[in-house]
Amino acid sequence: MPMFIVNMLALSTVRLDDSYWEVKIPAAPAATLSLIFLQNTFQQDLPQVSYMTCMDLMFILSYLICFLCFADSLSNALMSTTQSYSGLYGKLAAFLLTISPIIVSGWLYLSF
């Protein structure tokens, strides 16, 4: 649930207008920093294992979503004068968040 909230913070800025670039650009790095602190907290409380766990997969997906949201906001800010940007990275981030439960469930099914 905390990772979902952090991802929603990054995704909430995707549909903002070009005039809100001051909000769009720093939202994804702030979400990434939140994920870093969250991951450090989980790693301190959970025992270390040598293989990739389900929690690691969820963090990888969350980092990817935040990166796509940052790429979307940066591309939107750089192409705001041409009006040719279609929001592809933001759409990919929303699609990845939508299918992430399927990816995690499939990984769990295949690993056991």
Protein backbone atom coordinates (compact mmCIF):
# COMPACT_ATOMS: atom_id res chain seq x y z
CA MET A 1 0.00 0.00 0.00
CA PRO A 2 2.75 2.56 0.73
CA MET A 3 4.33 1.94 -2.67
CA PHE A 4 0.95 2.40 -4.36
CA ILE A 5 0.50 5.76 -2.63
CA VAL A 6 3.97 6.89 -3.68
CA ASN A 7 3.31 5.82 -7.27
CA MET A 8 0.01 7.67 -7.27
CA LEU A 9 1.88 10.79 -6.14
CA ALA A 10 4.08 10.54 -9.22
CA LEU A 11 1.20 9.64 -11.54
CA SER A 12 -1.07 12.39 -10.28
CA THR A 13 0.97 15.03 -12.08
CA VAL A 14 0.87 13.36 -15.50
CA ARG A 15 -2.46 14.90 -16.53
CA LEU A 16 -1.62 18.42 -15.33
CA ASP A 17 -1.47 21.24 -17.85
CA ASP A 18 1.82 22.60 -19.23
CA SER A 19 1.53 25.68 -17.05
CA TYR A 20 2.11 23.54 -13.92
CA TRP A 21 5.63 22.47 -14.87
CA GLU A 22 6.91 23.64 -11.46
CA VAL A 23 4.79 20.91 -9.87
CA LYS A 24 5.21 18.24 -12.53
CA ILE A 25 9.01 18.06 -12.63
CA PRO A 26 9.83 17.68 -8.89
CA ALA A 27 6.97 15.26 -8.08
CA ALA A 28 8.60 12.15 -9.56
CA PRO A 29 12.02 12.73 -7.90
CA ALA A 30 10.23 13.31 -4.60
CA ALA A 31 8.38 10.02 -5.08
CA THR A 32 11.69 8.31 -5.90
CA LEU A 33 13.23 9.62 -2.69
CA SER A 34 10.23 8.34 -0.77
CA LEU A 35 10.75 4.91 -2.34
CA ILE A 36 14.44 4.95 -1.38
CA PHE A 37 13.63 5.66 2.25
CA LEU A 38 10.84 3.08 2.22
CA GLN A 39 13.13 0.45 0.73
CA ASN A 40 15.84 1.19 3.31
CA THR A 41 13.30 0.81 6.10
CA PHE A 42 12.11 -2.53 4.74
CA GLN A 43 15.66 -3.80 4.29
CA GLN A 44 16.53 -2.98 7.89
CA ASP A 45 13.51 -4.83 9.25
CA LEU A 46 13.51 -7.90 7.00
CA PRO A 47 16.20 -10.58 6.87
CA GLN A 48 18.56 -10.51 3.89
CA VAL A 49 18.22 -13.21 1.24
CA SER A 50 20.46 -13.84 -1.73
CA TYR A 51 17.72 -14.12 -4.34
CA MET A 52 15.25 -11.58 -5.67
CA THR A 53 12.16 -11.39 -3.50
CA CYS A 54 8.69 -10.25 -4.39
CA MET A 55 9.30 -6.99 -2.50
CA ASP A 56 12.33 -6.30 -4.72
CA LEU A 57 10.20 -6.81 -7.82
CA MET A 58 7.60 -4.38 -6.50
CA PHE A 59 10.29 -1.80 -5.79
CA ILE A 60 11.73 -2.23 -9.30
CA LEU A 61 8.29 -1.63 -10.80
CA SER A 62 7.78 1.41 -8.57
CA TYR A 63 11.13 2.90 -9.56
CA LEU A 64 10.29 2.33 -13.21
CA ILE A 65 6.92 4.05 -12.79
CA CYS A 66 8.58 7.05 -11.12
CA PHE A 67 11.23 7.20 -13.85
CA LEU A 68 8.56 7.14 -16.57
CA CYS A 69 6.62 9.90 -14.80
CA PHE A 70 9.78 12.02 -14.58
CA ALA A 71 10.52 11.41 -18.28
CA ASP A 72 6.94 12.39 -19.08
CA SER A 73 7.10 15.66 -17.15
CA LEU A 74 10.53 16.53 -18.52
CA SER A 75 9.51 15.77 -22.10
CA ASN A 76 6.32 17.75 -21.65
CA ALA A 77 8.27 20.74 -20.31
CA LEU A 78 10.81 20.61 -23.13
CA MET A 79 8.20 20.22 -25.87
CA SER A 80 5.63 22.63 -24.48
CA THR A 81 6.24 25.16 -27.25
CA THR A 82 5.68 22.71 -30.10
CA GLN A 83 2.56 21.05 -28.65
CA SER A 84 3.65 17.79 -30.29
CA TYR A 85 4.14 15.71 -27.17
CA SER A 86 1.44 13.07 -26.74
CA GLY A 87 2.22 11.93 -23.17
CA LEU A 88 3.60 8.53 -24.10
CA TYR A 89 5.72 8.08 -20.96
CA GLY A 90 2.84 8.99 -18.68
CA LYS A 91 0.59 6.52 -20.46
CA LEU A 92 3.26 3.83 -20.10
CA ALA A 93 3.59 4.59 -16.39
CA ALA A 94 -0.17 4.36 -15.86
CA PHE A 95 -0.28 1.11 -17.86
CA LEU A 96 2.61 -0.33 -15.82
CA LEU A 97 0.87 0.56 -12.56
CA THR A 98 -2.29 -1.09 -13.86
CA ILE A 99 -0.61 -4.36 -14.81
CA SER A 100 1.85 -4.49 -11.90
CA PRO A 101 -0.44 -6.73 -9.78
CA ILE A 102 -0.57 -9.16 -12.72
CA ILE A 103 3.23 -9.07 -13.06
CA VAL A 104 3.75 -9.69 -9.34
CA SER A 105 1.11 -12.44 -9.24
CA GLY A 106 2.67 -14.12 -12.27
CA TRP A 107 6.13 -13.91 -10.72
CA LEU A 108 4.85 -15.44 -7.49
CA TYR A 109 3.05 -18.19 -9.40
CA LEU A 110 6.14 -19.06 -11.45
CA SER A 111 8.56 -18.92 -8.51
CA PHE A 112 6.64 -21.39 -6.34
